[in-house]
Amino acid sequence: MHPNVLMFMLAGIGIHKSIVIVSGIICPPRLVLPIMVLLLPVATYHRNYGISDQSTNTYFQKYASSILDTLPQNSLLLINYDQQWTSVRYMQECEGVRQDVTSINLSMMSYPWWESKHSLYEDVNFPGTHYTKGNTLPWQDGGFTFSEFISANVEHFGAHIFIGGRINFEDPDFNEQYEEVPFGLVQQIQSQELVVGAAELYRTDSLQIWRTISNHLSSDLPCERKYPPSTWEWTIRREW
């Protein structure tokens, strides 16, 4: 609102000055203002329509689908990345896509009020009030670390726990006990004891995952001319 106020003030001054100048040369003042009011939006329309037309923009629908469609049934997806969270939650809540996947915003889980949200996730075990850093006062007062959260849910979800983005706090125990294995556009959290070094098996599984992602994204990535680095859509191309 603040920059708009300044813009409107400057536009008003500019239009007034233009009317004074033009009316003495071309036509009476009473005709100048209507002409300018008509010409300005028409000129703006022609200049900006191409970049403002978002009628075919389904990039985040495809992006979210390329994440959800690769996950096994009844997976747990922890998200700490804005574009993943908003697009995935929209597809789940508004479009009814892959509602078997439990998605949680990792940063939201780090607030004390998160304790009041536990009941929304029947299949998830929270080993404390909220996610926090280990060996701190919030942790001593009942919070839990990321490694404690994963350990509390391994029995139910097994290897079907995934994360998009990074964890909020340093967690040496997590690094010692678990491994983040690339899984398409997210990472799969696996126990260090269960990580298998069979490269061919991983290559085969990963190939199938990326085929699914490619079906959604490869043929229709955001145009860099219309969606430069200042846009959210550009980040989809970067991830790809």
Foldseek 3Di string as FASTA:
>chain_A
DVVVVVVVVVVVVVLVVVLVVCCVPPHHSVPSVVVCVVVVVVVVCVVCVVLPDCVPPCLLLLVQCLVLVLADFQFEEEEADVSNVVSVCCCCPVVVPRVSYHYDHQVVQADQVCQVVPVVDPLADAQFRGEDDPPDPVVVVTHDHPQVRCVRRCVPRPQRYKYADDHDDDDVVQVQFWDFDDAQRITTIHGPVPDDPPPVVVVVSNVVSVVSSCVRDVVDQDDCVSAPPVHPSVVSVVSD
